[in-house]
Amino acid sequence: MKNEVIIELHKNFEEFAHQIDDEEYWYARELQGLLGYTQWRNFEQVIDKTKISCQTAGHELSDHFADVSKMVDIGSGAGREIDDIILTRYAC
């Protein structure tokens, strides 16, 4: 992979970061597109593998993965609730 591509991906990753009380986190659905996944169900499989790796390394899943729901606009002022996952940098 070219150095320029790596630098751009890292920059984009950092731009997706959120922060509350000096704690940074990312939403999985926002990273999904950045990593080239078009379907949530396929990206969920990647997250499931990440959870296994996290457990194998001796970390508590609840410290790095938090299931959340959020509203998304589906047009005409209507919204729909979707599942998402908050990830720490380690989980990412």
PDB file of N, CA and C in Angstrom:
ATOM      1  N   MET A   1       0.847  -1.170   0.000  1.00  0.00           N
ATOM      2  CA  MET A   1       0.000   0.000   0.000  1.00  0.00           C
ATOM      3  C   MET A   1       0.896   1.237   0.000  1.00  0.00           C
ATOM      4  N   LYS A   2       0.529   2.204  -0.795  1.00  0.00           N
ATOM      5  CA  LYS A   2       1.321   3.417  -0.897  1.00  0.00           C
ATOM      6  C   LYS A   2       1.237   4.229   0.379  1.00  0.00           C
ATOM      7  N   ASN A   3       2.323   4.877   0.710  1.00  0.00           N
ATOM      8  CA  ASN A   3       2.418   5.691   1.917  1.00  0.00           C
ATOM      9  C   ASN A   3       1.330   6.768   1.956  1.00  0.00           C
ATOM     10  N   GLU A   4       1.017   7.372   0.800  1.00  0.00           N
ATOM     11  CA  GLU A   4      -0.001   8.425   0.741  1.00  0.00           C
ATOM     12  C   GLU A   4      -1.374   7.885   1.128  1.00  0.00           C
ATOM     13  N   VAL A   5      -1.671   6.672   0.712  1.00  0.00           N
ATOM     14  CA  VAL A   5      -2.956   6.052   1.029  1.00  0.00           C
ATOM     15  C   VAL A   5      -3.057   5.807   2.528  1.00  0.00           C
ATOM     16  N   ILE A   6      -2.001   5.320   3.125  1.00  0.00           N
ATOM     17  CA  ILE A   6      -1.984   5.060   4.569  1.00  0.00           C
ATOM     18  C   ILE A   6      -2.182   6.358   5.341  1.00  0.00           C
ATOM     19  N   ILE A   7      -1.496   7.404   4.932  1.00  0.00           N
ATOM     20  CA  ILE A   7      -1.626   8.701   5.602  1.00  0.00           C
ATOM     21  C   ILE A   7      -3.059   9.212   5.494  1.00  0.00           C
ATOM     22  N   GLU A   8      -3.670   9.094   4.328  1.00  0.00           N
ATOM     23  CA  GLU A   8      -5.047   9.555   4.131  1.00  0.00           C
ATOM     24  C   GLU A   8      -6.032   8.741   4.963  1.00  0.00           C
ATOM     25  N   LEU A   9      -5.862   7.430   5.010  1.00  0.00           N
ATOM     26  CA  LEU A   9      -6.751   6.588   5.819  1.00  0.00           C
ATOM     27  C   LEU A   9      -6.631   6.935   7.300  1.00  0.00           C
ATOM     28  N   HIS A  10      -5.413   7.162   7.763  1.00  0.00           N
ATOM     29  CA  HIS A  10      -5.203   7.520   9.173  1.00  0.00           C
ATOM     30  C   HIS A  10      -5.862   8.861   9.485  1.00  0.00           C
ATOM     31  N   LYS A  11      -5.707   9.815   8.591  1.00  0.00           N
ATOM     32  CA  LYS A  11      -6.326  11.135   8.763  1.00  0.00           C
ATOM     33  C   LYS A  11      -7.845  11.000   8.835  1.00  0.00           C
ATOM     34  N   ASN A  12      -8.423  10.233   7.912  1.00  0.00           N
ATOM     35  CA  ASN A  12      -9.876  10.035   7.905  1.00  0.00           C
ATOM     36  C   ASN A  12     -10.340   9.335   9.177  1.00  0.00           C
ATOM     37  N   PHE A  13      -9.597   8.358   9.629  1.00  0.00           N
ATOM     38  CA  PHE A  13      -9.936   7.646  10.868  1.00  0.00           C
ATOM     39  C   PHE A  13      -9.994   8.624  12.039  1.00  0.00           C
ATOM     40  N   GLU A  14      -9.000   9.457  12.169  1.00  0.00           N
ATOM     41  CA  GLU A  14      -8.952  10.419  13.274  1.00  0.00           C
ATOM     42  C   GLU A  14     -10.083  11.437  13.185  1.00  0.00           C
ATOM     43  N   GLU A  15     -10.493  11.785  11.963  1.00  0.00           N
ATOM     44  CA  GLU A  15     -11.589  12.739  11.799  1.00  0.00           C
ATOM     45  C   GLU A  15     -12.930  12.166  12.244  1.00  0.00           C
ATOM     46  N   PHE A  16     -13.070  10.865  12.265  1.00  0.00           N
ATOM     47  CA  PHE A  16     -14.306  10.229  12.702  1.00  0.00           C
ATOM     48  C   PHE A  16     -14.406  10.117  14.221  1.00  0.00           C
ATOM     49  N   ALA A  17     -13.347  10.433  14.924  1.00  0.00           N
ATOM     50  CA  ALA A  17     -13.332  10.300  16.389  1.00  0.00           C
ATOM     51  C   ALA A  17     -14.306  11.276  17.034  1.00  0.00           C
ATOM     52  N   HIS A  18     -14.936  10.804  18.115  1.00  0.00           N
ATOM     53  CA  HIS A  18     -15.804  11.616  18.960  1.00  0.00           C
ATOM     54  C   HIS A  18     -15.147  11.662  20.335  1.00  0.00           C
ATOM     55  N   GLN A  19     -15.582  12.584  21.155  1.00  0.00           N
ATOM     56  CA  GLN A  19     -14.968  12.679  22.479  1.00  0.00           C
ATOM     57  C   GLN A  19     -15.986  13.157  23.507  1.00  0.00           C
ATOM     58  N   ILE A  20     -15.964  12.483  24.668  1.00  0.00           N
ATOM     59  CA  ILE A  20     -16.746  12.892  25.835  1.00  0.00           C
ATOM     60  C   ILE A  20     -15.834  12.780  27.042  1.00  0.00           C
ATOM     61  N   ASP A  21     -15.715  13.865  27.795  1.00  0.00           N
ATOM     62  CA  ASP A  21     -14.895  13.867  29.012  1.00  0.00           C
ATOM     63  C   ASP A  21     -13.505  13.276  28.782  1.00  0.00           C
ATOM     64  N   ASP A  22     -12.831  13.728  27.772  1.00  0.00           N
ATOM     65  CA  ASP A  22     -11.473  13.291  27.432  1.00  0.00           C
ATOM     66  C   ASP A  22     -11.373  11.812  27.038  1.00  0.00           C
ATOM     67  N   GLU A  23     -12.491  11.186  26.783  1.00  0.00           N
ATOM     68  CA  GLU A  23     -12.503   9.796  26.308  1.00  0.00           C
ATOM     69  C   GLU A  23     -12.887   9.807  24.834  1.00  0.00           C
ATOM     70  N   GLU A  24     -12.032   9.245  23.987  1.00  0.00           N
ATOM     71  CA  GLU A  24     -12.336   9.211  22.564  1.00  0.00           C
ATOM     72  C   GLU A  24     -13.024   7.894  22.205  1.00  0.00           C
ATOM     73  N   TYR A  25     -13.865   7.974  21.180  1.00  0.00           N
ATOM     74  CA  TYR A  25     -14.579   6.782  20.719  1.00  0.00           C
ATOM     75  C   TYR A  25     -14.986   6.973  19.266  1.00  0.00           C
ATOM     76  N   TRP A  26     -15.339   5.883  18.637  1.00  0.00           N
ATOM     77  CA  TRP A  26     -15.783   5.880  17.252  1.00  0.00           C
ATOM     78  C   TRP A  26     -17.083   5.095  17.167  1.00  0.00           C
ATOM     79  N   TYR A  27     -17.952   5.475  16.228  1.00  0.00           N
ATOM     80  CA  TYR A  27     -19.149   4.699  15.919  1.00  0.00           C
ATOM     81  C   TYR A  27     -18.806   3.713  14.803  1.00  0.00           C
ATOM     82  N   ALA A  28     -19.177   2.470  15.007  1.00  0.00           N
ATOM     83  CA  ALA A  28     -18.858   1.432  14.022  1.00  0.00           C
ATOM     84  C   ALA A  28     -19.479   1.736  12.661  1.00  0.00           C
ATOM     85  N   ARG A  29     -20.701   2.236  12.663  1.00  0.00           N
ATOM     86  CA  ARG A  29     -21.349   2.516  11.371  1.00  0.00           C
ATOM     87  C   ARG A  29     -20.620   3.610  10.587  1.00  0.00           C
ATOM     88  N   GLU A  30     -19.987   4.524  11.280  1.00  0.00           N
ATOM     89  CA  GLU A  30     -19.223   5.556  10.579  1.00  0.00           C
ATOM     90  C   GLU A  30     -17.934   4.973   9.999  1.00  0.00           C
ATOM     91  N   LEU A  31     -17.330   4.026  10.700  1.00  0.00           N
ATOM     92  CA  LEU A  31     -16.102   3.399  10.206  1.00  0.00           C
ATOM     93  C   LEU A  31     -16.376   2.397   9.099  1.00  0.00           C
ATOM     94  N   GLN A  32     -17.574   1.860   9.065  1.00  0.00           N
ATOM     95  CA  GLN A  32     -17.946   0.854   8.080  1.00  0.00           C
ATOM     96  C   GLN A  32     -17.608   1.308   6.664  1.00  0.00           C
ATOM     97  N   GLY A  33     -18.063   2.474   6.284  1.00  0.00           N
ATOM     98  CA  GLY A  33     -17.798   2.979   4.936  1.00  0.00           C
ATOM     99  C   GLY A  33     -16.331   3.298   4.705  1.00  0.00           C
ATOM    100  N   LEU A  34     -15.695   3.862   5.720  1.00  0.00           N
ATOM    101  CA  LEU A  34     -14.278   4.191   5.618  1.00  0.00           C
ATOM    102  C   LEU A  34     -13.449   2.955   5.294  1.00  0.00           C
ATOM    103  N   LEU A  35     -13.865   1.819   5.855  1.00  0.00           N
ATOM    104  CA  LEU A  35     -13.124   0.570   5.644  1.00  0.00           C
ATOM    105  C   LEU A  35     -13.610  -0.223   4.427  1.00  0.00           C
ATOM    106  N   GLY A  36     -14.567   0.345   3.689  1.00  0.00           N
ATOM    107  CA  GLY A  36     -14.991  -0.267   2.432  1.00  0.00           C
ATOM    108  C   GLY A  36     -16.123  -1.269   2.530  1.00  0.00           C
ATOM    109  N   TYR A  37     -16.820  -1.311   3.637  1.00  0.00           N
ATOM    110  CA  TYR A  37     -17.946  -2.227   3.785  1.00  0.00           C
ATOM    111  C   TYR A  37     -19.232  -1.509   3.416  1.00  0.00           C
ATOM    112  N   THR A  38     -20.005  -2.093   2.502  1.00  0.00           N
ATOM    113  CA  THR A  38     -21.254  -1.471   2.083  1.00  0.00           C
ATOM    114  C   THR A  38     -22.449  -1.989   2.877  1.00  0.00           C
ATOM    115  N   GLN A  39     -22.322  -3.161   3.464  1.00  0.00           N
ATOM    116  CA  GLN A  39     -23.440  -3.741   4.220  1.00  0.00           C
ATOM    117  C   GLN A  39     -23.060  -3.925   5.681  1.00  0.00           C
ATOM    118  N   TRP A  40     -23.959  -3.462   6.553  1.00  0.00           N
ATOM    119  CA  TRP A  40     -23.743  -3.543   7.996  1.00  0.00           C
ATOM    120  C   TRP A  40     -23.531  -4.976   8.448  1.00  0.00           C
ATOM    121  N   ARG A  41     -24.301  -5.914   7.927  1.00  0.00           N
ATOM    122  CA  ARG A  41     -24.188  -7.310   8.388  1.00  0.00           C
ATOM    123  C   ARG A  41     -22.799  -7.875   8.142  1.00  0.00           C
ATOM    124  N   ASN A  42     -22.151  -7.463   7.053  1.00  0.00           N
ATOM    125  CA  ASN A  42     -20.785  -7.920   6.781  1.00  0.00           C
ATOM    126  C   ASN A  42     -19.793  -7.294   7.759  1.00  0.00           C
ATOM    127  N   PHE A  43     -20.014  -6.027   8.081  1.00  0.00           N
ATOM    128  CA  PHE A  43     -19.118  -5.356   9.017  1.00  0.00           C
ATOM    129  C   PHE A  43     -19.318  -5.887  10.435  1.00  0.00           C
ATOM    130  N   GLU A  44     -20.534  -6.275  10.769  1.00  0.00           N
ATOM    131  CA  GLU A  44     -20.791  -6.882  12.091  1.00  0.00           C
ATOM    132  C   GLU A  44     -19.962  -8.146  12.288  1.00  0.00           C
ATOM    133  N   GLN A  45     -19.768  -8.905  11.225  1.00  0.00           N
ATOM    134  CA  GLN A  45     -18.941 -10.111  11.315  1.00  0.00           C
ATOM    135  C   GLN A  45     -17.496  -9.757  11.661  1.00  0.00           C
ATOM    136  N   VAL A  46     -17.002  -8.665  11.116  1.00  0.00           N
ATOM    137  CA  VAL A  46     -15.654  -8.200  11.427  1.00  0.00           C
ATOM    138  C   VAL A  46     -15.582  -7.790  12.895  1.00  0.00           C
ATOM    139  N   ILE A  47     -16.598  -7.091  13.367  1.00  0.00           N
ATOM    140  CA  ILE A  47     -16.631  -6.658  14.765  1.00  0.00           C
ATOM    141  C   ILE A  47     -16.690  -7.868  15.695  1.00  0.00           C
ATOM    142  N   ASP A  48     -17.451  -8.885  15.319  1.00  0.00           N
ATOM    143  CA  ASP A  48     -17.512 -10.107  16.136  1.00  0.00           C
ATOM    144  C   ASP A  48     -16.123 -10.745  16.261  1.00  0.00           C
ATOM    145  N   LYS A  49     -15.369 -10.770  15.186  1.00  0.00           N
ATOM    146  CA  LYS A  49     -14.003 -11.315  15.236  1.00  0.00           C
ATOM    147  C   LYS A  49     -13.108 -10.443  16.117  1.00  0.00           C
ATOM    148  N   THR A  50     -13.320  -9.146  16.044  1.00  0.00           N
ATOM    149  CA  THR A  50     -12.553  -8.223  16.874  1.00  0.00           C
ATOM    150  C   THR A  50     -12.847  -8.459  18.352  1.00  0.00           C
ATOM    151  N   LYS A  51     -14.101  -8.727  18.673  1.00  0.00           N
ATOM    152  CA  LYS A  51     -14.473  -9.014  20.061  1.00  0.00           C
ATOM    153  C   LYS A  51     -13.767 -10.271  20.567  1.00  0.00           C
ATOM    154  N   ILE A  52     -13.692 -11.274  19.732  1.00  0.00           N
ATOM    155  CA  ILE A  52     -13.000 -12.510  20.115  1.00  0.00           C
ATOM    156  C   ILE A  52     -11.526 -12.221  20.392  1.00  0.00           C
ATOM    157  N   SER A  53     -10.895 -11.446  19.521  1.00  0.00           N
ATOM    158  CA  SER A  53      -9.485 -11.085  19.722  1.00  0.00           C
ATOM    159  C   SER A  53      -9.294 -10.305  21.014  1.00  0.00           C
ATOM    160  N   CYS A  54     -10.207  -9.422  21.299  1.00  0.00           N
ATOM    161  CA  CYS A  54     -10.145  -8.612  22.515  1.00  0.00           C
ATOM    162  C   CYS A  54     -10.230  -9.501  23.763  1.00  0.00           C
ATOM    163  N   GLN A  55     -11.170 -10.436  23.747  1.00  0.00           N
ATOM    164  CA  GLN A  55     -11.315 -11.371  24.875  1.00  0.00           C
ATOM    165  C   GLN A  55     -10.072 -12.245  25.016  1.00  0.00           C
ATOM    166  N   THR A  56      -9.560 -12.735  23.906  1.00  0.00           N
ATOM    167  CA  THR A  56      -8.383 -13.593  23.919  1.00  0.00           C
ATOM    168  C   THR A  56      -7.186 -12.864  24.520  1.00  0.00           C
ATOM    169  N   ALA A  57      -7.121 -11.554  24.293  1.00  0.00           N
ATOM    170  CA  ALA A  57      -6.030 -10.747  24.842  1.00  0.00           C
ATOM    171  C   ALA A  57      -6.254 -10.400  26.315  1.00  0.00           C
ATOM    172  N   GLY A  58      -7.388 -10.850  26.872  1.00  0.00           N
ATOM    173  CA  GLY A  58      -7.650 -10.649  28.288  1.00  0.00           C
ATOM    174  C   GLY A  58      -8.366  -9.361  28.646  1.00  0.00           C
ATOM    175  N   HIS A  59      -8.967  -8.699  27.668  1.00  0.00           N
ATOM    176  CA  HIS A  59      -9.684  -7.457  27.922  1.00  0.00           C
ATOM    177  C   HIS A  59     -11.176  -7.709  28.102  1.00  0.00           C
ATOM    178  N   GLU A  60     -11.809  -6.879  28.900  1.00  0.00           N
ATOM    179  CA  GLU A  60     -13.266  -6.934  29.071  1.00  0.00           C
ATOM    180  C   GLU A  60     -13.930  -6.289  27.864  1.00  0.00           C
ATOM    181  N   LEU A  61     -14.873  -6.992  27.258  1.00  0.00           N
ATOM    182  CA  LEU A  61     -15.565  -6.439  26.097  1.00  0.00           C
ATOM    183  C   LEU A  61     -16.274  -5.141  26.429  1.00  0.00           C
ATOM    184  N   SER A  62     -16.854  -5.077  27.614  1.00  0.00           N
ATOM    185  CA  SER A  62     -17.618  -3.881  27.995  1.00  0.00           C
ATOM    186  C   SER A  62     -16.737  -2.641  28.116  1.00  0.00           C
ATOM    187  N   ASP A  63     -15.432  -2.814  28.222  1.00  0.00           N
ATOM    188  CA  ASP A  63     -14.515  -1.679  28.279  1.00  0.00           C
ATOM    189  C   ASP A  63     -14.243  -1.083  26.899  1.00  0.00           C
ATOM    190  N   HIS A  64     -14.553  -1.841  25.843  1.00  0.00           N
ATOM    191  CA  HIS A  64     -14.172  -1.421  24.494  1.00  0.00           C
ATOM    192  C   HIS A  64     -15.304  -1.420  23.476  1.00  0.00           C
ATOM    193  N   PHE A  65     -16.431  -2.040  23.800  1.00  0.00           N
ATOM    194  CA  PHE A  65     -17.567  -2.128  22.883  1.00  0.00           C
ATOM    195  C   PHE A  65     -18.842  -1.799  23.654  1.00  0.00           C
ATOM    196  N   ALA A  66     -19.620  -0.859  23.145  1.00  0.00           N
ATOM    197  CA  ALA A  66     -20.893  -0.517  23.785  1.00  0.00           C
ATOM    198  C   ALA A  66     -21.985  -0.482  22.715  1.00  0.00           C
ATOM    199  N   ASP A  67     -22.988  -1.328  22.881  1.00  0.00           N
ATOM    200  CA  ASP A  67     -24.114  -1.333  21.948  1.00  0.00           C
ATOM    201  C   ASP A  67     -24.978  -0.098  22.209  1.00  0.00           C
ATOM    202  N   VAL A  68     -25.325   0.602  21.144  1.00  0.00           N
ATOM    203  CA  VAL A  68     -26.167   1.794  21.240  1.00  0.00           C
ATOM    204  C   VAL A  68     -27.168   1.784  20.097  1.00  0.00           C
ATOM    205  N   SER A  69     -28.163   2.624  20.222  1.00  0.00           N
ATOM    206  CA  SER A  69     -29.124   2.849  19.147  1.00  0.00           C
ATOM    207  C   SER A  69     -29.109   4.323  18.824  1.00  0.00           C
ATOM    208  N   LYS A  70     -29.376   4.642  17.578  1.00  0.00           N
ATOM    209  CA  LYS A  70     -29.468   6.047  17.204  1.00  0.00           C
ATOM    210  C   LYS A  70     -30.495   6.206  16.094  1.00  0.00           C
ATOM    211  N   MET A  71     -31.014   7.414  15.983  1.00  0.00           N
ATOM    212  CA  MET A  71     -32.013   7.714  14.967  1.00  0.00           C
ATOM    213  C   MET A  71     -31.318   8.192  13.705  1.00  0.00           C
ATOM    214  N   VAL A  72     -31.805   7.716  12.565  1.00  0.00           N
ATOM    215  CA  VAL A  72     -31.307   8.179  11.277  1.00  0.00           C
ATOM    216  C   VAL A  72     -32.480   8.693  10.464  1.00  0.00           C
ATOM    217  N   ASP A  73     -32.218   9.668   9.644  1.00  0.00           N
ATOM    218  CA  ASP A  73     -33.232  10.259   8.787  1.00  0.00           C
ATOM    219  C   ASP A  73     -33.473   9.334   7.600  1.00  0.00           C
ATOM    220  N   ILE A  74     -34.753   9.025   7.342  1.00  0.00           N
ATOM    221  CA  ILE A  74     -35.074   8.172   6.184  1.00  0.00           C
ATOM    222  C   ILE A  74     -35.870   8.945   5.137  1.00  0.00           C
ATOM    223  N   GLY A  75     -35.880  10.264   5.294  1.00  0.00           N
ATOM    224  CA  GLY A  75     -36.549  11.106   4.314  1.00  0.00           C
ATOM    225  C   GLY A  75     -37.905  11.586   4.790  1.00  0.00           C
ATOM    226  N   SER A  76     -38.371  12.649   4.195  1.00  0.00           N
ATOM    227  CA  SER A  76     -39.666  13.253   4.511  1.00  0.00           C
ATOM    228  C   SER A  76     -39.812  13.570   5.994  1.00  0.00           C
ATOM    229  N   GLY A  77     -38.706  13.851   6.658  1.00  0.00           N
ATOM    230  CA  GLY A  77     -38.762  14.191   8.081  1.00  0.00           C
ATOM    231  C   GLY A  77     -38.948  13.000   8.995  1.00  0.00           C
ATOM    232  N   ALA A  78     -39.005  11.805   8.427  1.00  0.00           N
ATOM    233  CA  ALA A  78     -39.187  10.600   9.232  1.00  0.00           C
ATOM    234  C   ALA A  78     -37.827  10.059   9.666  1.00  0.00           C
ATOM    235  N   GLY A  79     -37.828   9.350  10.774  1.00  0.00           N
ATOM    236  CA  GLY A  79     -36.601   8.740  11.266  1.00  0.00           C
ATOM    237  C   GLY A  79     -36.807   7.279  11.597  1.00  0.00           C
ATOM    238  N   ARG A  80     -35.714   6.588  11.755  1.00  0.00           N
ATOM    239  CA  ARG A  80     -35.751   5.164  12.099  1.00  0.00           C
ATOM    240  C   ARG A  80     -34.594   4.894  13.042  1.00  0.00           C
ATOM    241  N   GLU A  81     -34.835   4.058  14.026  1.00  0.00           N
ATOM    242  CA  GLU A  81     -33.788   3.700  14.974  1.00  0.00           C
ATOM    243  C   GLU A  81     -32.965   2.540  14.422  1.00  0.00           C
ATOM    244  N   ILE A  82     -31.640   2.697  14.508  1.00  0.00           N
ATOM    245  CA  ILE A  82     -30.741   1.630  14.052  1.00  0.00           C
ATOM    246  C   ILE A  82     -29.755   1.299  15.169  1.00  0.00           C
ATOM    247  N   ASP A  83     -29.251   0.083  15.136  1.00  0.00           N
ATOM    248  CA  ASP A  83     -28.237  -0.343  16.094  1.00  0.00           C
ATOM    249  C   ASP A  83     -26.866   0.134  15.625  1.00  0.00           C
ATOM    250  N   ASP A  84     -26.020   0.431  16.589  1.00  0.00           N
ATOM    251  CA  ASP A  84     -24.651   0.823  16.307  1.00  0.00           C
ATOM    252  C   ASP A  84     -23.795   0.341  17.471  1.00  0.00           C
ATOM    253  N   ILE A  85     -22.506   0.496  17.353  1.00  0.00           N
ATOM    254  CA  ILE A  85     -21.585   0.081  18.408  1.00  0.00           C
ATOM    255  C   ILE A  85     -20.559   1.185  18.598  1.00  0.00           C
ATOM    256  N   ILE A  86     -20.364   1.580  19.854  1.00  0.00           N
ATOM    257  CA  ILE A  86     -19.316   2.533  20.174  1.00  0.00           C
ATOM    258  C   ILE A  86     -18.038   1.731  20.430  1.00  0.00           C
ATOM    259  N   LEU A  87     -16.941   2.165  19.813  1.00  0.00           N
ATOM    260  CA  LEU A  87     -15.663   1.453  19.895  1.00  0.00           C
ATOM    261  C   LEU A  87     -14.589   2.354  20.486  1.00  0.00           C
ATOM    262  N   THR A  88     -13.737   1.796  21.305  1.00  0.00           N
ATOM    263  CA  THR A  88     -12.554   2.508  21.766  1.00  0.00           C
ATOM    264  C   THR A  88     -11.491   2.425  20.681  1.00  0.00           C
ATOM    265  N   ARG A  89     -10.415   3.146  20.876  1.00  0.00           N
ATOM    266  CA  ARG A  89      -9.299   3.052  19.917  1.00  0.00           C
ATOM    267  C   ARG A  89      -8.779   1.612  19.861  1.00  0.00           C
ATOM    268  N   TYR A  90      -8.703   0.960  21.009  1.00  0.00           N
ATOM    269  CA  TYR A  90      -8.232  -0.436  21.044  1.00  0.00           C
ATOM    270  C   TYR A  90      -9.148  -1.327  20.200  1.00  0.00           C
ATOM    271  N   ALA A  91     -10.452  -1.146  20.332  1.00  0.00           N
ATOM    272  CA  ALA A  91     -11.392  -1.954  19.564  1.00  0.00           C
ATOM    273  C   ALA A  91     -11.260  -1.680  18.069  1.00  0.00           C
ATOM    274  N   CYS A  92     -11.000  -0.429  17.731  1.00  0.00           N
ATOM    275  CA  CYS A  92     -10.834  -0.087  16.306  1.00  0.00           C
ATOM    276  C   CYS A  92      -9.621  -0.803  15.730  1.00  0.00           C
TER     277      CYS A  92
END
